[in-house]
């Protein structure tokens, strides 16, 4: 979804279809990811539609803009992550915001304090301005408020002697945080190499950065596990009365 068309565009049909599935299954927790432009699309009205749809189904919601460069990936890729948990107003904030940072506002569902750096960012410094360790490369920008993905076929490497070349599929996989050859089909005709490369660029550009998704998913799992432990503890206390 992009701000030009917002929820009225063709891509927004995926959101409405997603919400149809949510209504049918009512999962305990939901994770959504989109371009950070979603927050300001049509003056914030599109994002309000998303929040209202989740709220009407009884979900507590929190959101946060996360940048891939803060998770060990040499790419400037800001995306908004939305975590929703059914009948739980505090859980989503505990997933997306570290308690020691003090930047989680339980009522507003968002950050209301200074930006909290990740461990990676704390160790090496601001990768956008330049690394502290010479072996760490500057970030590659993948910013777009109008598209959900990045067109890696249009990103190029420039050499000091003036040579220019396109990123290879393996390089864009590494930049996005995937293992090399992750998107390479097991079997294909060599005559289709150009088409296969195009599909690989498209797949990687539309993908969620794995280290970021892993961080969010791990924290969500820990939050659910903690809730279950607390529930068992309370049930045990009631039974002992």
C-alpha atoms as a PDB file:
ATOM      1  CA  UNK A   1       0.000   0.000   0.000  1.00  0.00           C
ATOM      2  CA  UNK A   2       1.319   3.457  -0.881  1.00  0.00           C
ATOM      3  CA  UNK A   3       0.160   6.945   0.083  1.00  0.00           C
ATOM      4  CA  UNK A   4      -0.820   7.836  -3.486  1.00  0.00           C
ATOM      5  CA  UNK A   5      -3.744   5.431  -3.586  1.00  0.00           C
ATOM      6  CA  UNK A   6      -3.908   4.426   0.067  1.00  0.00           C
ATOM      7  CA  UNK A   7      -6.586   1.956   1.052  1.00  0.00           C
ATOM      8  CA  UNK A   8      -8.482   2.855  -2.107  1.00  0.00           C
ATOM      9  CA  UNK A   9      -5.773   1.406  -4.330  1.00  0.00           C
ATOM     10  CA  UNK A  10      -5.609  -2.080  -5.783  1.00  0.00           C
ATOM     11  CA  UNK A  11      -2.935  -3.240  -3.338  1.00  0.00           C
ATOM     12  CA  UNK A  12      -5.158  -2.319  -0.405  1.00  0.00           C
ATOM     13  CA  UNK A  13      -7.407  -5.223  -1.326  1.00  0.00           C
ATOM     14  CA  UNK A  14      -4.864  -7.399   0.436  1.00  0.00           C
ATOM     15  CA  UNK A  15      -5.550  -5.578   3.710  1.00  0.00           C
ATOM     16  CA  UNK A  16      -9.298  -6.052   3.440  1.00  0.00           C
ATOM     17  CA  UNK A  17      -8.812  -9.711   2.537  1.00  0.00           C
ATOM     18  CA  UNK A  18      -6.433 -10.063   5.472  1.00  0.00           C
ATOM     19  CA  UNK A  19      -9.034  -8.599   7.828  1.00  0.00           C
ATOM     20  CA  UNK A  20     -11.610 -11.022   6.443  1.00  0.00           C
ATOM     21  CA  UNK A  21      -9.314 -13.885   7.417  1.00  0.00           C
ATOM     22  CA  UNK A  22      -8.724 -12.347  10.847  1.00  0.00           C
ATOM     23  CA  UNK A  23     -12.470 -12.138  11.478  1.00  0.00           C
ATOM     24  CA  UNK A  24     -12.822 -15.782  10.491  1.00  0.00           C
ATOM     25  CA  UNK A  25      -9.943 -17.104  12.604  1.00  0.00           C
ATOM     26  CA  UNK A  26      -9.542 -14.506  15.380  1.00  0.00           C
ATOM     27  CA  UNK A  27      -5.852 -15.302  16.038  1.00  0.00           C
ATOM     28  CA  UNK A  28      -4.375 -14.477  19.410  1.00  0.00           C
ATOM     29  CA  UNK A  29      -1.733 -12.198  17.912  1.00  0.00           C
ATOM     30  CA  UNK A  30      -1.108 -10.404  14.625  1.00  0.00           C
ATOM     31  CA  UNK A  31       1.989  -8.822  13.078  1.00  0.00           C
ATOM     32  CA  UNK A  32       1.678  -6.388  10.169  1.00  0.00           C
ATOM     33  CA  UNK A  33       4.465  -4.625   8.248  1.00  0.00           C
ATOM     34  CA  UNK A  34       4.223  -1.772   5.759  1.00  0.00           C
ATOM     35  CA  UNK A  35       6.089   1.242   4.430  1.00  0.00           C
ATOM     36  CA  UNK A  36       6.402   4.009   7.005  1.00  0.00           C
ATOM     37  CA  UNK A  37       4.372   6.240   4.684  1.00  0.00           C
ATOM     38  CA  UNK A  38       1.310   4.366   5.911  1.00  0.00           C
ATOM     39  CA  UNK A  39       1.393   6.533   9.039  1.00  0.00           C
ATOM     40  CA  UNK A  40       0.830   9.730   7.050  1.00  0.00           C
ATOM     41  CA  UNK A  41      -1.155   8.366   4.100  1.00  0.00           C
ATOM     42  CA  UNK A  42      -4.101  10.695   3.412  1.00  0.00           C
ATOM     43  CA  UNK A  43      -3.368  12.689   6.525  1.00  0.00           C
ATOM     44  CA  UNK A  44      -3.255   9.575   8.705  1.00  0.00           C
ATOM     45  CA  UNK A  45      -6.785   8.524   7.769  1.00  0.00           C
ATOM     46  CA  UNK A  46      -5.671   5.263   6.176  1.00  0.00           C
ATOM     47  CA  UNK A  47      -3.747   4.270   9.274  1.00  0.00           C
ATOM     48  CA  UNK A  48      -6.787   5.147  11.377  1.00  0.00           C
ATOM     49  CA  UNK A  49      -8.813   2.693   9.283  1.00  0.00           C
ATOM     50  CA  UNK A  50      -6.300  -0.056  10.089  1.00  0.00           C
ATOM     51  CA  UNK A  51      -6.381   0.705  13.817  1.00  0.00           C
ATOM     52  CA  UNK A  52     -10.173   0.914  13.900  1.00  0.00           C
ATOM     53  CA  UNK A  53     -10.555  -2.407  12.082  1.00  0.00           C
ATOM     54  CA  UNK A  54      -8.367  -4.140  14.663  1.00  0.00           C
ATOM     55  CA  UNK A  55      -9.937  -2.331  17.622  1.00  0.00           C
ATOM     56  CA  UNK A  56     -13.448  -3.331  16.563  1.00  0.00           C
ATOM     57  CA  UNK A  57     -12.383  -6.974  16.752  1.00  0.00           C
ATOM     58  CA  UNK A  58     -11.086  -6.519  20.289  1.00  0.00           C
ATOM     59  CA  UNK A  59      -7.367  -6.205  19.573  1.00  0.00           C
ATOM     60  CA  UNK A  60      -4.951  -4.062  21.549  1.00  0.00           C
ATOM     61  CA  UNK A  61      -2.502  -2.461  19.116  1.00  0.00           C
ATOM     62  CA  UNK A  62       0.989  -0.954  19.163  1.00  0.00           C
ATOM     63  CA  UNK A  63       3.145   0.251  16.297  1.00  0.00           C
ATOM     64  CA  UNK A  64       6.729   1.289  15.793  1.00  0.00           C
ATOM     65  CA  UNK A  65       8.937   2.303  12.867  1.00  0.00           C
ATOM     66  CA  UNK A  66      11.966   0.000  12.732  1.00  0.00           C
ATOM     67  CA  UNK A  67      14.985   0.466  10.478  1.00  0.00           C
ATOM     68  CA  UNK A  68      16.789  -2.553   9.043  1.00  0.00           C
ATOM     69  CA  UNK A  69      20.159  -0.861   9.573  1.00  0.00           C
ATOM     70  CA  UNK A  70      19.651  -1.119  13.328  1.00  0.00           C
ATOM     71  CA  UNK A  71      19.523  -4.921  13.106  1.00  0.00           C
ATOM     72  CA  UNK A  72      22.884  -5.656  11.492  1.00  0.00           C
ATOM     73  CA  UNK A  73      21.748  -5.225   7.884  1.00  0.00           C
ATOM     74  CA  UNK A  74      23.586  -2.667   5.678  1.00  0.00           C
ATOM     75  CA  UNK A  75      20.371  -1.159   4.389  1.00  0.00           C
ATOM     76  CA  UNK A  76      18.400   1.964   5.295  1.00  0.00           C
ATOM     77  CA  UNK A  77      14.889   0.489   5.213  1.00  0.00           C
ATOM     78  CA  UNK A  78      12.294   2.060   7.508  1.00  0.00           C
ATOM     79  CA  UNK A  79       9.070   0.110   7.932  1.00  0.00           C
ATOM     80  CA  UNK A  80       6.190   0.409  10.360  1.00  0.00           C
ATOM     81  CA  UNK A  81       5.520  -2.772  12.347  1.00  0.00           C
ATOM     82  CA  UNK A  82       2.101  -3.246  13.913  1.00  0.00           C
ATOM     83  CA  UNK A  83       1.542  -5.809  16.656  1.00  0.00           C
ATOM     84  CA  UNK A  84      -2.000  -6.615  17.766  1.00  0.00           C
ATOM     85  CA  UNK A  85      -3.033  -8.989  20.553  1.00  0.00           C
ATOM     86  CA  UNK A  86      -6.617 -10.029  21.229  1.00  0.00           C
ATOM     87  CA  UNK A  87      -8.080  -8.590  24.430  1.00  0.00           C
ATOM     88  CA  UNK A  88      -4.647  -7.356  25.510  1.00  0.00           C
ATOM     89  CA  UNK A  89      -3.942  -3.640  25.688  1.00  0.00           C
ATOM     90  CA  UNK A  90      -0.414  -3.802  27.133  1.00  0.00           C
ATOM     91  CA  UNK A  91       1.104  -6.831  25.426  1.00  0.00           C
ATOM     92  CA  UNK A  92       1.721  -5.250  21.997  1.00  0.00           C
ATOM     93  CA  UNK A  93       3.665  -2.363  23.535  1.00  0.00           C
ATOM     94  CA  UNK A  94       5.778  -4.764  25.558  1.00  0.00           C
ATOM     95  CA  UNK A  95       6.633  -6.568  22.328  1.00  0.00           C
ATOM     96  CA  UNK A  96       7.732  -3.525  20.335  1.00  0.00           C
ATOM     97  CA  UNK A  97       9.245  -1.343  23.053  1.00  0.00           C
ATOM     98  CA  UNK A  98      12.020  -2.271  25.456  1.00  0.00           C
ATOM     99  CA  UNK A  99      10.981  -1.418  29.039  1.00  0.00           C
ATOM    100  CA  UNK A 100      14.352   0.112  29.846  1.00  0.00           C
ATOM    101  CA  UNK A 101      13.853   2.739  27.133  1.00  0.00           C
ATOM    102  CA  UNK A 102      10.754   4.231  28.704  1.00  0.00           C
ATOM    103  CA  UNK A 103       9.335   5.292  25.326  1.00  0.00           C
ATOM    104  CA  UNK A 104       6.149   3.207  25.270  1.00  0.00           C
ATOM    105  CA  UNK A 105       2.873   4.992  25.832  1.00  0.00           C
ATOM    106  CA  UNK A 106       0.265   2.320  26.774  1.00  0.00           C
ATOM    107  CA  UNK A 107      -2.741   4.444  25.802  1.00  0.00           C
ATOM    108  CA  UNK A 108      -1.449   5.829  22.515  1.00  0.00           C
ATOM    109  CA  UNK A 109       0.179   2.605  21.366  1.00  0.00           C
ATOM    110  CA  UNK A 110       3.324   4.306  20.111  1.00  0.00           C
ATOM    111  CA  UNK A 111       6.622   5.846  21.066  1.00  0.00           C
ATOM    112  CA  UNK A 112       6.381   9.126  22.966  1.00  0.00           C
ATOM    113  CA  UNK A 113      10.007   9.512  23.976  1.00  0.00           C
ATOM    114  CA  UNK A 114      13.497   9.518  22.503  1.00  0.00           C
ATOM    115  CA  UNK A 115      14.392   6.951  19.880  1.00  0.00           C
ATOM    116  CA  UNK A 116      15.789   3.791  21.448  1.00  0.00           C
ATOM    117  CA  UNK A 117      18.829   2.383  19.651  1.00  0.00           C
ATOM    118  CA  UNK A 118      19.218  -1.318  19.069  1.00  0.00           C
ATOM    119  CA  UNK A 119      22.163  -3.231  20.522  1.00  0.00           C
ATOM    120  CA  UNK A 120      23.766  -3.286  17.067  1.00  0.00           C
ATOM    121  CA  UNK A 121      23.395   0.469  16.690  1.00  0.00           C
ATOM    122  CA  UNK A 122      24.729   1.085  20.187  1.00  0.00           C
ATOM    123  CA  UNK A 123      27.873  -0.958  19.513  1.00  0.00           C
ATOM    124  CA  UNK A 124      28.896   0.409  16.097  1.00  0.00           C
ATOM    125  CA  UNK A 125      27.380   3.891  16.161  1.00  0.00           C
ATOM    126  CA  UNK A 126      25.185   5.603  13.583  1.00  0.00           C
ATOM    127  CA  UNK A 127      25.481   3.570  10.388  1.00  0.00           C
ATOM    128  CA  UNK A 128      23.655   6.250   8.425  1.00  0.00           C
ATOM    129  CA  UNK A 129      26.404   8.793   9.034  1.00  0.00           C
ATOM    130  CA  UNK A 130      29.258   6.342   8.913  1.00  0.00           C
ATOM    131  CA  UNK A 131      30.572   3.251  10.685  1.00  0.00           C
ATOM    132  CA  UNK A 132      32.988   3.249  13.588  1.00  0.00           C
ATOM    133  CA  UNK A 133      34.542   0.037  12.282  1.00  0.00           C
ATOM    134  CA  UNK A 134      36.114   0.379   8.842  1.00  0.00           C
ATOM    135  CA  UNK A 135      35.062  -3.092   7.751  1.00  0.00           C
ATOM    136  CA  UNK A 136      31.382  -2.175   8.077  1.00  0.00           C
ATOM    137  CA  UNK A 137      29.974  -0.621   4.920  1.00  0.00           C
ATOM    138  CA  UNK A 138      27.749   2.411   4.694  1.00  0.00           C
ATOM    139  CA  UNK A 139      24.050   1.705   4.375  1.00  0.00           C
ATOM    140  CA  UNK A 140      22.300   1.236   1.081  1.00  0.00           C
ATOM    141  CA  UNK A 141      19.119   3.281   0.979  1.00  0.00           C
ATOM    142  CA  UNK A 142      15.880   1.468   0.268  1.00  0.00           C
ATOM    143  CA  UNK A 143      13.571   4.312   1.160  1.00  0.00           C
ATOM    144  CA  UNK A 144      10.201   4.582  -0.500  1.00  0.00           C
ATOM    145  CA  UNK A 145       7.002   6.014   0.885  1.00  0.00           C
ATOM    146  CA  UNK A 146       5.118   5.142  -2.273  1.00  0.00           C
ATOM    147  CA  UNK A 147       5.870   1.475  -2.785  1.00  0.00           C
ATOM    148  CA  UNK A 148       5.766  -1.542  -0.544  1.00  0.00           C
ATOM    149  CA  UNK A 149       9.026  -2.962  -1.860  1.00  0.00           C
ATOM    150  CA  UNK A 150      12.385  -1.966  -3.308  1.00  0.00           C
ATOM    151  CA  UNK A 151      13.200  -2.370  -6.999  1.00  0.00           C
ATOM    152  CA  UNK A 152      16.674  -3.845  -6.634  1.00  0.00           C
ATOM    153  CA  UNK A 153      17.023  -4.170 -10.424  1.00  0.00           C
ATOM    154  CA  UNK A 154      17.363  -0.353 -10.463  1.00  0.00           C
ATOM    155  CA  UNK A 155      20.059  -0.148  -7.766  1.00  0.00           C
ATOM    156  CA  UNK A 156      23.653   0.097  -8.923  1.00  0.00           C
ATOM    157  CA  UNK A 157      27.209  -0.128  -7.605  1.00  0.00           C
ATOM    158  CA  UNK A 158      29.495   2.755  -8.545  1.00  0.00           C
ATOM    159  CA  UNK A 159      33.294   2.378  -8.659  1.00  0.00           C
ATOM    160  CA  UNK A 160      35.826   5.234  -8.257  1.00  0.00           C
ATOM    161  CA  UNK A 161      37.097   4.636 -11.807  1.00  0.00           C
ATOM    162  CA  UNK A 162      33.633   5.406 -13.181  1.00  0.00           C
ATOM    163  CA  UNK A 163      32.410   1.865 -13.770  1.00  0.00           C
ATOM    164  CA  UNK A 164      28.797   1.122 -12.846  1.00  0.00           C
ATOM    165  CA  UNK A 165      27.091  -2.222 -12.473  1.00  0.00           C
ATOM    166  CA  UNK A 166      23.838  -3.577 -11.153  1.00  0.00           C
ATOM    167  CA  UNK A 167      23.641  -5.475  -7.862  1.00  0.00           C
ATOM    168  CA  UNK A 168      23.590  -9.228  -8.364  1.00  0.00           C
ATOM    169  CA  UNK A 169      20.689 -11.275  -6.927  1.00  0.00           C
ATOM    170  CA  UNK A 170      23.053 -12.785  -4.339  1.00  0.00           C
ATOM    171  CA  UNK A 171      24.193  -9.336  -3.242  1.00  0.00           C
ATOM    172  CA  UNK A 172      20.664  -8.037  -2.730  1.00  0.00           C
ATOM    173  CA  UNK A 173      19.873 -11.178  -0.726  1.00  0.00           C
ATOM    174  CA  UNK A 174      22.770 -10.435   1.612  1.00  0.00           C
ATOM    175  CA  UNK A 175      21.820  -6.757   1.886  1.00  0.00           C
ATOM    176  CA  UNK A 176      18.279  -7.748   2.854  1.00  0.00           C
ATOM    177  CA  UNK A 177      19.510 -10.304   5.393  1.00  0.00           C
ATOM    178  CA  UNK A 178      18.841 -13.526   3.497  1.00  0.00           C
ATOM    179  CA  UNK A 179      21.318 -16.389   3.012  1.00  0.00           C
ATOM    180  CA  UNK A 180      22.939 -16.418  -0.418  1.00  0.00           C
ATOM    181  CA  UNK A 181      20.890 -18.210  -3.128  1.00  0.00           C
ATOM    182  CA  UNK A 182      17.818 -18.190  -0.864  1.00  0.00           C
ATOM    183  CA  UNK A 183      15.576 -17.158  -3.774  1.00  0.00           C
ATOM    184  CA  UNK A 184      17.301 -19.257  -6.433  1.00  0.00           C
ATOM    185  CA  UNK A 185      14.994 -22.001  -7.817  1.00  0.00           C
ATOM    186  CA  UNK A 186      16.281 -25.547  -7.477  1.00  0.00           C
ATOM    187  CA  UNK A 187      15.617 -26.262 -11.140  1.00  0.00           C
ATOM    188  CA  UNK A 188      15.379 -23.819 -14.037  1.00  0.00           C
ATOM    189  CA  UNK A 189      16.382 -23.482 -17.669  1.00  0.00           C
ATOM    190  CA  UNK A 190      19.524 -21.399 -18.260  1.00  0.00           C
ATOM    191  CA  UNK A 191      17.637 -19.687 -21.066  1.00  0.00           C
ATOM    192  CA  UNK A 192      15.373 -18.180 -18.392  1.00  0.00           C
ATOM    193  CA  UNK A 193      18.250 -16.683 -16.388  1.00  0.00           C
ATOM    194  CA  UNK A 194      17.244 -13.051 -16.995  1.00  0.00           C
ATOM    195  CA  UNK A 195      13.633 -13.699 -16.040  1.00  0.00           C
ATOM    196  CA  UNK A 196      14.714 -15.643 -12.948  1.00  0.00           C
ATOM    197  CA  UNK A 197      16.949 -12.754 -11.870  1.00  0.00           C
ATOM    198  CA  UNK A 198      14.059 -10.319 -12.322  1.00  0.00           C
ATOM    199  CA  UNK A 199      11.797 -12.473 -10.170  1.00  0.00           C
ATOM    200  CA  UNK A 200      14.504 -12.756  -7.508  1.00  0.00           C
ATOM    201  CA  UNK A 201      14.951  -8.970  -7.378  1.00  0.00           C
ATOM    202  CA  UNK A 202      11.193  -8.578  -7.003  1.00  0.00           C
ATOM    203  CA  UNK A 203      10.926 -11.226  -4.279  1.00  0.00           C
ATOM    204  CA  UNK A 204      13.741  -9.767  -2.187  1.00  0.00           C
ATOM    205  CA  UNK A 205      12.496  -6.203  -2.646  1.00  0.00           C
ATOM    206  CA  UNK A 206       9.040  -7.113  -1.352  1.00  0.00           C
ATOM    207  CA  UNK A 207      10.322  -9.220   1.532  1.00  0.00           C
ATOM    208  CA  UNK A 208      10.443  -8.319   5.207  1.00  0.00           C
ATOM    209  CA  UNK A 209      14.028  -8.045   6.473  1.00  0.00           C
ATOM    210  CA  UNK A 210      14.566 -11.400   8.286  1.00  0.00           C
ATOM    211  CA  UNK A 211      16.561 -10.063  11.296  1.00  0.00           C
ATOM    212  CA  UNK A 212      13.831  -7.497  12.010  1.00  0.00           C
ATOM    213  CA  UNK A 213      11.049 -10.054  11.649  1.00  0.00           C
ATOM    214  CA  UNK A 214      12.974 -12.435  13.915  1.00  0.00           C
ATOM    215  CA  UNK A 215      13.322  -9.746  16.601  1.00  0.00           C
ATOM    216  CA  UNK A 216       9.615  -8.913  16.559  1.00  0.00           C
ATOM    217  CA  UNK A 217       8.565 -12.558  16.408  1.00  0.00           C
ATOM    218  CA  UNK A 218      10.851 -13.612  19.242  1.00  0.00           C
ATOM    219  CA  UNK A 219       9.587 -10.845  21.500  1.00  0.00           C
ATOM    220  CA  UNK A 220       5.980 -11.718  20.671  1.00  0.00           C
ATOM    221  CA  UNK A 221       6.632 -15.356  21.544  1.00  0.00           C
ATOM    222  CA  UNK A 222       8.211 -14.319  24.843  1.00  0.00           C
ATOM    223  CA  UNK A 223       5.236 -12.087  25.655  1.00  0.00           C
ATOM    224  CA  UNK A 224       2.733 -14.878  24.983  1.00  0.00           C
ATOM    225  CA  UNK A 225       4.821 -17.356  26.959  1.00  0.00           C
ATOM    226  CA  UNK A 226       4.975 -14.940  29.918  1.00  0.00           C
ATOM    227  CA  UNK A 227       1.195 -14.509  29.801  1.00  0.00           C
ATOM    228  CA  UNK A 228       0.662 -18.263  29.898  1.00  0.00           C
ATOM    229  CA  UNK A 229       3.002 -18.644  32.861  1.00  0.00           C
ATOM    230  CA  UNK A 230       1.130 -15.879  34.691  1.00  0.00           C
ATOM    231  CA  UNK A 231      -2.221 -17.501  33.871  1.00  0.00           C
ATOM    232  CA  UNK A 232      -1.073 -20.850  35.270  1.00  0.00           C
ATOM    233  CA  UNK A 233       0.230 -19.105  38.387  1.00  0.00           C
ATOM    234  CA  UNK A 234      -3.098 -17.368  38.961  1.00  0.00           C
ATOM    235  CA  UNK A 235      -5.063 -20.565  38.412  1.00  0.00           C
ATOM    236  CA  UNK A 236      -2.820 -22.317  40.919  1.00  0.00           C
ATOM    237  CA  UNK A 237      -3.388 -19.560  43.461  1.00  0.00           C
ATOM    238  CA  UNK A 238      -7.173 -19.782  43.000  1.00  0.00           C
ATOM    239  CA  UNK A 239      -7.131 -23.561  43.389  1.00  0.00           C
ATOM    240  CA  UNK A 240      -5.115 -23.253  46.598  1.00  0.00           C
ATOM    241  CA  UNK A 241      -7.674 -20.948  48.221  1.00  0.00           C
END
